[in-house]
Amino acid sequence: MSEQTSRPSIVSEKHLEFLDHLREAGITNMYGAGSYLRKAFEIGETDSHTILSYWMQTFAERHPRKETSK
């Protein structure tokens, strides 16, 4: 992503870490992660969509691939 996406004020590091762990655990397809956010953080659907959308848009920036040597 060449343009930096500005972080919405609702998004915290705890949200991003929660989603990272959820992804690593393979508990759900990440498109279904909103319900997990709502339950874990007691937030509404709009906020969970905002957080999840930001997480998806910035995932590659926050987790760059490590180059492997051949």
PDB file of N, CA and C in Angstrom:
ATOM      1  N   MET A   1       0.851  -1.158   0.000  1.00  0.00           N
ATOM      2  CA  MET A   1       0.000   0.000   0.000  1.00  0.00           C
ATOM      3  C   MET A   1       0.900   1.224   0.000  1.00  0.00           C
ATOM      4  N   SER A   2       0.832   2.040  -0.995  1.00  0.00           N
ATOM      5  CA  SER A   2       1.726   3.178  -1.110  1.00  0.00           C
ATOM      6  C   SER A   2       1.285   4.353  -0.253  1.00  0.00           C
ATOM      7  N   GLU A   3      -0.006   4.566  -0.105  1.00  0.00           N
ATOM      8  CA  GLU A   3      -0.500   5.632   0.745  1.00  0.00           C
ATOM      9  C   GLU A   3      -0.719   5.079   2.135  1.00  0.00           C
ATOM     10  N   GLN A   4      -0.326   5.863   3.140  1.00  0.00           N
ATOM     11  CA  GLN A   4      -0.541   5.421   4.500  1.00  0.00           C
ATOM     12  C   GLN A   4      -2.000   5.669   4.881  1.00  0.00           C
ATOM     13  N   THR A   5      -2.633   4.651   5.419  1.00  0.00           N
ATOM     14  CA  THR A   5      -4.009   4.756   5.874  1.00  0.00           C
ATOM     15  C   THR A   5      -3.999   5.322   7.279  1.00  0.00           C
ATOM     16  N   SER A   6      -4.750   6.403   7.509  1.00  0.00           N
ATOM     17  CA  SER A   6      -4.767   6.971   8.850  1.00  0.00           C
ATOM     18  C   SER A   6      -5.643   6.111   9.749  1.00  0.00           C
ATOM     19  N   ARG A   7      -5.180   5.947  10.966  1.00  0.00           N
ATOM     20  CA  ARG A   7      -5.869   5.080  11.919  1.00  0.00           C
ATOM     21  C   ARG A   7      -7.076   5.803  12.510  1.00  0.00           C
ATOM     22  N   PRO A   8      -8.252   5.207  12.396  1.00  0.00           N
ATOM     23  CA  PRO A   8      -9.434   5.789  13.042  1.00  0.00           C
ATOM     24  C   PRO A   8      -9.237   5.819  14.555  1.00  0.00           C
ATOM     25  N   SER A   9      -9.815   6.791  15.205  1.00  0.00           N
ATOM     26  CA  SER A   9      -9.609   6.956  16.648  1.00  0.00           C
ATOM     27  C   SER A   9     -10.118   5.759  17.450  1.00  0.00           C
ATOM     28  N   ILE A  10     -11.057   5.017  16.934  1.00  0.00           N
ATOM     29  CA  ILE A  10     -11.612   3.862  17.643  1.00  0.00           C
ATOM     30  C   ILE A  10     -10.632   2.690  17.696  1.00  0.00           C
ATOM     31  N   VAL A  11      -9.666   2.644  16.790  1.00  0.00           N
ATOM     32  CA  VAL A  11      -8.755   1.499  16.673  1.00  0.00           C
ATOM     33  C   VAL A  11      -7.596   1.617  17.664  1.00  0.00           C
ATOM     34  N   SER A  12      -7.432   0.572  18.483  1.00  0.00           N
ATOM     35  CA  SER A  12      -6.320   0.542  19.435  1.00  0.00           C
ATOM     36  C   SER A  12      -5.357  -0.597  19.096  1.00  0.00           C
ATOM     37  N   GLU A  13      -4.182  -0.540  19.686  1.00  0.00           N
ATOM     38  CA  GLU A  13      -3.215  -1.630  19.507  1.00  0.00           C
ATOM     39  C   GLU A  13      -3.794  -2.944  20.013  1.00  0.00           C
ATOM     40  N   LYS A  14      -4.587  -2.888  21.080  1.00  0.00           N
ATOM     41  CA  LYS A  14      -5.205  -4.104  21.613  1.00  0.00           C
ATOM     42  C   LYS A  14      -6.114  -4.753  20.581  1.00  0.00           C
ATOM     43  N   HIS A  15      -6.849  -3.929  19.827  1.00  0.00           N
ATOM     44  CA  HIS A  15      -7.710  -4.469  18.772  1.00  0.00           C
ATOM     45  C   HIS A  15      -6.866  -5.180  17.712  1.00  0.00           C
ATOM     46  N   LEU A  16      -5.804  -4.514  17.289  1.00  0.00           N
ATOM     47  CA  LEU A  16      -4.957  -5.074  16.228  1.00  0.00           C
ATOM     48  C   LEU A  16      -4.285  -6.361  16.684  1.00  0.00           C
ATOM     49  N   GLU A  17      -3.793  -6.373  17.916  1.00  0.00           N
ATOM     50  CA  GLU A  17      -3.157  -7.571  18.454  1.00  0.00           C
ATOM     51  C   GLU A  17      -4.173  -8.708  18.584  1.00  0.00           C
ATOM     52  N   PHE A  18      -5.376  -8.381  19.024  1.00  0.00           N
ATOM     53  CA  PHE A  18      -6.438  -9.382  19.136  1.00  0.00           C
ATOM     54  C   PHE A  18      -6.691 -10.025  17.774  1.00  0.00           C
ATOM     55  N   LEU A  19      -6.811  -9.197  16.738  1.00  0.00           N
ATOM     56  CA  LEU A  19      -7.074  -9.723  15.397  1.00  0.00           C
ATOM     57  C   LEU A  19      -5.891 -10.525  14.866  1.00  0.00           C
ATOM     58  N   ASP A  20      -4.669 -10.082  15.161  1.00  0.00           N
ATOM     59  CA  ASP A  20      -3.482 -10.852  14.765  1.00  0.00           C
ATOM     60  C   ASP A  20      -3.517 -12.244  15.390  1.00  0.00           C
ATOM     61  N   HIS A  21      -3.825 -12.312  16.676  1.00  0.00           N
ATOM     62  CA  HIS A  21      -3.871 -13.601  17.376  1.00  0.00           C
ATOM     63  C   HIS A  21      -5.018 -14.468  16.851  1.00  0.00           C
ATOM     64  N   LEU A  22      -6.135 -13.836  16.572  1.00  0.00           N
ATOM     65  CA  LEU A  22      -7.280 -14.566  16.023  1.00  0.00           C
ATOM     66  C   LEU A  22      -6.909 -15.194  14.683  1.00  0.00           C
ATOM     67  N   ARG A  23      -6.217 -14.431  13.856  1.00  0.00           N
ATOM     68  CA  ARG A  23      -5.774 -14.941  12.544  1.00  0.00           C
ATOM     69  C   ARG A  23      -4.802 -16.101  12.713  1.00  0.00           C
ATOM     70  N   GLU A  24      -3.824 -15.914  13.610  1.00  0.00           N
ATOM     71  CA  GLU A  24      -2.820 -16.956  13.834  1.00  0.00           C
ATOM     72  C   GLU A  24      -3.451 -18.246  14.354  1.00  0.00           C
ATOM     73  N   ALA A  25      -4.485 -18.107  15.169  1.00  0.00           N
ATOM     74  CA  ALA A  25      -5.150 -19.281  15.737  1.00  0.00           C
ATOM     75  C   ALA A  25      -6.007 -20.010  14.711  1.00  0.00           C
ATOM     76  N   GLY A  26      -6.394 -19.314  13.646  1.00  0.00           N
ATOM     77  CA  GLY A  26      -7.201 -19.940  12.605  1.00  0.00           C
ATOM     78  C   GLY A  26      -8.622 -20.271  13.044  1.00  0.00           C
ATOM     79  N   ILE A  27      -9.093 -19.553  14.038  1.00  0.00           N
ATOM     80  CA  ILE A  27     -10.421 -19.822  14.596  1.00  0.00           C
ATOM     81  C   ILE A  27     -11.528 -19.490  13.610  1.00  0.00           C
ATOM     82  N   THR A  28     -11.338 -18.448  12.822  1.00  0.00           N
ATOM     83  CA  THR A  28     -12.379 -17.997  11.902  1.00  0.00           C
ATOM     84  C   THR A  28     -11.752 -17.405  10.653  1.00  0.00           C
ATOM     85  N   ASN A  29     -12.521 -17.395   9.602  1.00  0.00           N
ATOM     86  CA  ASN A  29     -12.156 -16.614   8.428  1.00  0.00           C
ATOM     87  C   ASN A  29     -12.182 -15.159   8.885  1.00  0.00           C
ATOM     88  N   MET A  30     -11.211 -14.365   8.506  1.00  0.00           N
ATOM     89  CA  MET A  30     -11.123 -13.006   9.047  1.00  0.00           C
ATOM     90  C   MET A  30     -12.290 -12.124   8.623  1.00  0.00           C
ATOM     91  N   TYR A  31     -12.992 -12.486   7.576  1.00  0.00           N
ATOM     92  CA  TYR A  31     -14.186 -11.723   7.216  1.00  0.00           C
ATOM     93  C   TYR A  31     -15.283 -11.906   8.268  1.00  0.00           C
ATOM     94  N   GLY A  32     -15.172 -12.940   9.069  1.00  0.00           N
ATOM     95  CA  GLY A  32     -16.130 -13.180  10.142  1.00  0.00           C
ATOM     96  C   GLY A  32     -15.634 -12.740  11.510  1.00  0.00           C
ATOM     97  N   ALA A  33     -14.527 -12.029  11.541  1.00  0.00           N
ATOM     98  CA  ALA A  33     -13.913 -11.650  12.815  1.00  0.00           C
ATOM     99  C   ALA A  33     -14.666 -10.553  13.559  1.00  0.00           C
ATOM    100  N   GLY A  34     -15.555  -9.863  12.872  1.00  0.00           N
ATOM    101  CA  GLY A  34     -16.293  -8.774  13.511  1.00  0.00           C
ATOM    102  C   GLY A  34     -17.055  -9.216  14.746  1.00  0.00           C
ATOM    103  N   SER A  35     -17.668 -10.384  14.682  1.00  0.00           N
ATOM    104  CA  SER A  35     -18.440 -10.868  15.834  1.00  0.00           C
ATOM    105  C   SER A  35     -17.525 -11.157  17.023  1.00  0.00           C
ATOM    106  N   TYR A  36     -16.310 -11.610  16.759  1.00  0.00           N
ATOM    107  CA  TYR A  36     -15.347 -11.861  17.834  1.00  0.00           C
ATOM    108  C   TYR A  36     -14.915 -10.539  18.474  1.00  0.00           C
ATOM    109  N   LEU A  37     -14.704  -9.522  17.649  1.00  0.00           N
ATOM    110  CA  LEU A  37     -14.370  -8.192  18.168  1.00  0.00           C
ATOM    111  C   LEU A  37     -15.491  -7.653  19.044  1.00  0.00           C
ATOM    112  N   ARG A  38     -16.723  -7.765  18.552  1.00  0.00           N
ATOM    113  CA  ARG A  38     -17.869  -7.241  19.297  1.00  0.00           C
ATOM    114  C   ARG A  38     -17.990  -7.893  20.667  1.00  0.00           C
ATOM    115  N   LYS A  39     -17.807  -9.193  20.704  1.00  0.00           N
ATOM    116  CA  LYS A  39     -17.932  -9.914  21.968  1.00  0.00           C
ATOM    117  C   LYS A  39     -16.766  -9.595  22.908  1.00  0.00           C
ATOM    118  N   ALA A  40     -15.554  -9.613  22.388  1.00  0.00           N
ATOM    119  CA  ALA A  40     -14.363  -9.417  23.229  1.00  0.00           C
ATOM    120  C   ALA A  40     -14.248  -7.994  23.780  1.00  0.00           C
ATOM    121  N   PHE A  41     -14.669  -7.013  22.980  1.00  0.00           N
ATOM    122  CA  PHE A  41     -14.488  -5.618  23.378  1.00  0.00           C
ATOM    123  C   PHE A  41     -15.803  -4.894  23.692  1.00  0.00           C
ATOM    124  N   GLU A  42     -16.914  -5.640  23.621  1.00  0.00           N
ATOM    125  CA  GLU A  42     -18.232  -5.061  23.899  1.00  0.00           C
ATOM    126  C   GLU A  42     -18.451  -3.766  23.110  1.00  0.00           C
ATOM    127  N   ILE A  43     -18.308  -3.894  21.789  1.00  0.00           N
ATOM    128  CA  ILE A  43     -18.485  -2.763  20.879  1.00  0.00           C
ATOM    129  C   ILE A  43     -19.589  -3.091  19.884  1.00  0.00           C
ATOM    130  N   GLY A  44     -20.044  -2.079  19.196  1.00  0.00           N
ATOM    131  CA  GLY A  44     -21.109  -2.258  18.217  1.00  0.00           C
ATOM    132  C   GLY A  44     -20.585  -2.700  16.865  1.00  0.00           C
ATOM    133  N   GLU A  45     -21.534  -2.988  15.990  1.00  0.00           N
ATOM    134  CA  GLU A  45     -21.199  -3.488  14.659  1.00  0.00           C
ATOM    135  C   GLU A  45     -20.425  -2.469  13.827  1.00  0.00           C
ATOM    136  N   THR A  46     -20.817  -1.210  13.886  1.00  0.00           N
ATOM    137  CA  THR A  46     -20.119  -0.178  13.105  1.00  0.00           C
ATOM    138  C   THR A  46     -18.660  -0.078  13.523  1.00  0.00           C
ATOM    139  N   ASP A  47     -18.411  -0.052  14.837  1.00  0.00           N
ATOM    140  CA  ASP A  47     -17.031   0.038  15.317  1.00  0.00           C
ATOM    141  C   ASP A  47     -16.233  -1.209  14.946  1.00  0.00           C
ATOM    142  N   SER A  48     -16.852  -2.367  15.043  1.00  0.00           N
ATOM    143  CA  SER A  48     -16.120  -3.588  14.694  1.00  0.00           C
ATOM    144  C   SER A  48     -15.765  -3.601  13.215  1.00  0.00           C
ATOM    145  N   HIS A  49     -16.633  -3.092  12.374  1.00  0.00           N
ATOM    146  CA  HIS A  49     -16.338  -3.021  10.934  1.00  0.00           C
ATOM    147  C   HIS A  49     -15.192  -2.044  10.669  1.00  0.00           C
ATOM    148  N   THR A  50     -15.198  -0.918  11.373  1.00  0.00           N
ATOM    149  CA  THR A  50     -14.129   0.071  11.216  1.00  0.00           C
ATOM    150  C   THR A  50     -12.785  -0.524  11.617  1.00  0.00           C
ATOM    151  N   ILE A  51     -12.765  -1.191  12.748  1.00  0.00           N
ATOM    152  CA  ILE A  51     -11.522  -1.793  13.258  1.00  0.00           C
ATOM    153  C   ILE A  51     -11.034  -2.885  12.313  1.00  0.00           C
ATOM    154  N   LEU A  52     -11.920  -3.765  11.915  1.00  0.00           N
ATOM    155  CA  LEU A  52     -11.543  -4.869  11.031  1.00  0.00           C
ATOM    156  C   LEU A  52     -11.079  -4.361   9.670  1.00  0.00           C
ATOM    157  N   SER A  53     -11.753  -3.365   9.156  1.00  0.00           N
ATOM    158  CA  SER A  53     -11.366  -2.788   7.876  1.00  0.00           C
ATOM    159  C   SER A  53      -9.958  -2.189   7.949  1.00  0.00           C
ATOM    160  N   TYR A  54      -9.682  -1.446   9.014  1.00  0.00           N
ATOM    161  CA  TYR A  54      -8.349  -0.866   9.187  1.00  0.00           C
ATOM    162  C   TYR A  54      -7.309  -1.982   9.314  1.00  0.00           C
ATOM    163  N   TRP A  55      -7.614  -3.007  10.098  1.00  0.00           N
ATOM    164  CA  TRP A  55      -6.686  -4.120  10.272  1.00  0.00           C
ATOM    165  C   TRP A  55      -6.356  -4.760   8.925  1.00  0.00           C
ATOM    166  N   MET A  56      -7.382  -4.993   8.107  1.00  0.00           N
ATOM    167  CA  MET A  56      -7.171  -5.601   6.792  1.00  0.00           C
ATOM    168  C   MET A  56      -6.362  -4.698   5.869  1.00  0.00           C
ATOM    169  N   GLN A  57      -6.669  -3.409   5.869  1.00  0.00           N
ATOM    170  CA  GLN A  57      -5.985  -2.468   4.984  1.00  0.00           C
ATOM    171  C   GLN A  57      -4.520  -2.300   5.343  1.00  0.00           C
ATOM    172  N   THR A  58      -4.169  -2.471   6.604  1.00  0.00           N
ATOM    173  CA  THR A  58      -2.807  -2.200   7.049  1.00  0.00           C
ATOM    174  C   THR A  58      -2.023  -3.451   7.418  1.00  0.00           C
ATOM    175  N   PHE A  59      -2.603  -4.619   7.225  1.00  0.00           N
ATOM    176  CA  PHE A  59      -1.940  -5.853   7.636  1.00  0.00           C
ATOM    177  C   PHE A  59      -0.550  -5.988   7.007  1.00  0.00           C
ATOM    178  N   ALA A  60      -0.454  -5.804   5.716  1.00  0.00           N
ATOM    179  CA  ALA A  60       0.824  -5.987   5.022  1.00  0.00           C
ATOM    180  C   ALA A  60       1.880  -4.979   5.494  1.00  0.00           C
ATOM    181  N   GLU A  61       1.443  -3.776   5.816  1.00  0.00           N
ATOM    182  CA  GLU A  61       2.384  -2.761   6.325  1.00  0.00           C
ATOM    183  C   GLU A  61       2.903  -3.138   7.707  1.00  0.00           C
ATOM    184  N   ARG A  62       2.025  -3.692   8.517  1.00  0.00           N
ATOM    185  CA  ARG A  62       2.399  -4.041   9.884  1.00  0.00           C
ATOM    186  C   ARG A  62       3.123  -5.372   9.970  1.00  0.00           C
ATOM    187  N   HIS A  63       2.967  -6.209   8.958  1.00  0.00           N
ATOM    188  CA  HIS A  63       3.582  -7.535   8.933  1.00  0.00           C
ATOM    189  C   HIS A  63       4.258  -7.776   7.584  1.00  0.00           C
ATOM    190  N   PRO A  64       5.352  -7.054   7.317  1.00  0.00           N
ATOM    191  CA  PRO A  64       6.015  -7.248   6.023  1.00  0.00           C
ATOM    192  C   PRO A  64       6.581  -8.664   5.921  1.00  0.00           C
ATOM    193  N   ARG A  65       6.533  -9.182   4.719  1.00  0.00           N
ATOM    194  CA  ARG A  65       7.077 -10.526   4.481  1.00  0.00           C
ATOM    195  C   ARG A  65       8.588 -10.483   4.623  1.00  0.00           C
ATOM    196  N   LYS A  66       9.118 -11.519   5.242  1.00  0.00           N
ATOM    197  CA  LYS A  66      10.570 -11.640   5.362  1.00  0.00           C
ATOM    198  C   LYS A  66      11.066 -12.313   4.102  1.00  0.00           C
ATOM    199  N   GLU A  67      12.101 -11.732   3.520  1.00  0.00           N
ATOM    200  CA  GLU A  67      12.672 -12.316   2.316  1.00  0.00           C
ATOM    201  C   GLU A  67      13.471 -13.547   2.693  1.00  0.00           C
ATOM    202  N   THR A  68      13.327 -14.574   1.920  1.00  0.00           N
ATOM    203  CA  THR A  68      14.086 -15.796   2.157  1.00  0.00           C
ATOM    204  C   THR A  68      15.229 -15.881   1.169  1.00  0.00           C
ATOM    205  N   SER A  69      16.363 -16.337   1.619  1.00  0.00           N
ATOM    206  CA  SER A  69      17.503 -16.482   0.715  1.00  0.00           C
ATOM    207  C   SER A  69      17.424 -17.831   0.026  1.00  0.00           C
ATOM    208  N   LYS A  70      17.851 -17.865  -1.221  1.00  0.00           N
ATOM    209  CA  LYS A  70      17.810 -19.113  -2.004  1.00  0.00           C
ATOM    210  C   LYS A  70      19.142 -19.790  -1.995  1.00  0.00           C
TER     211      LYS A  70
END
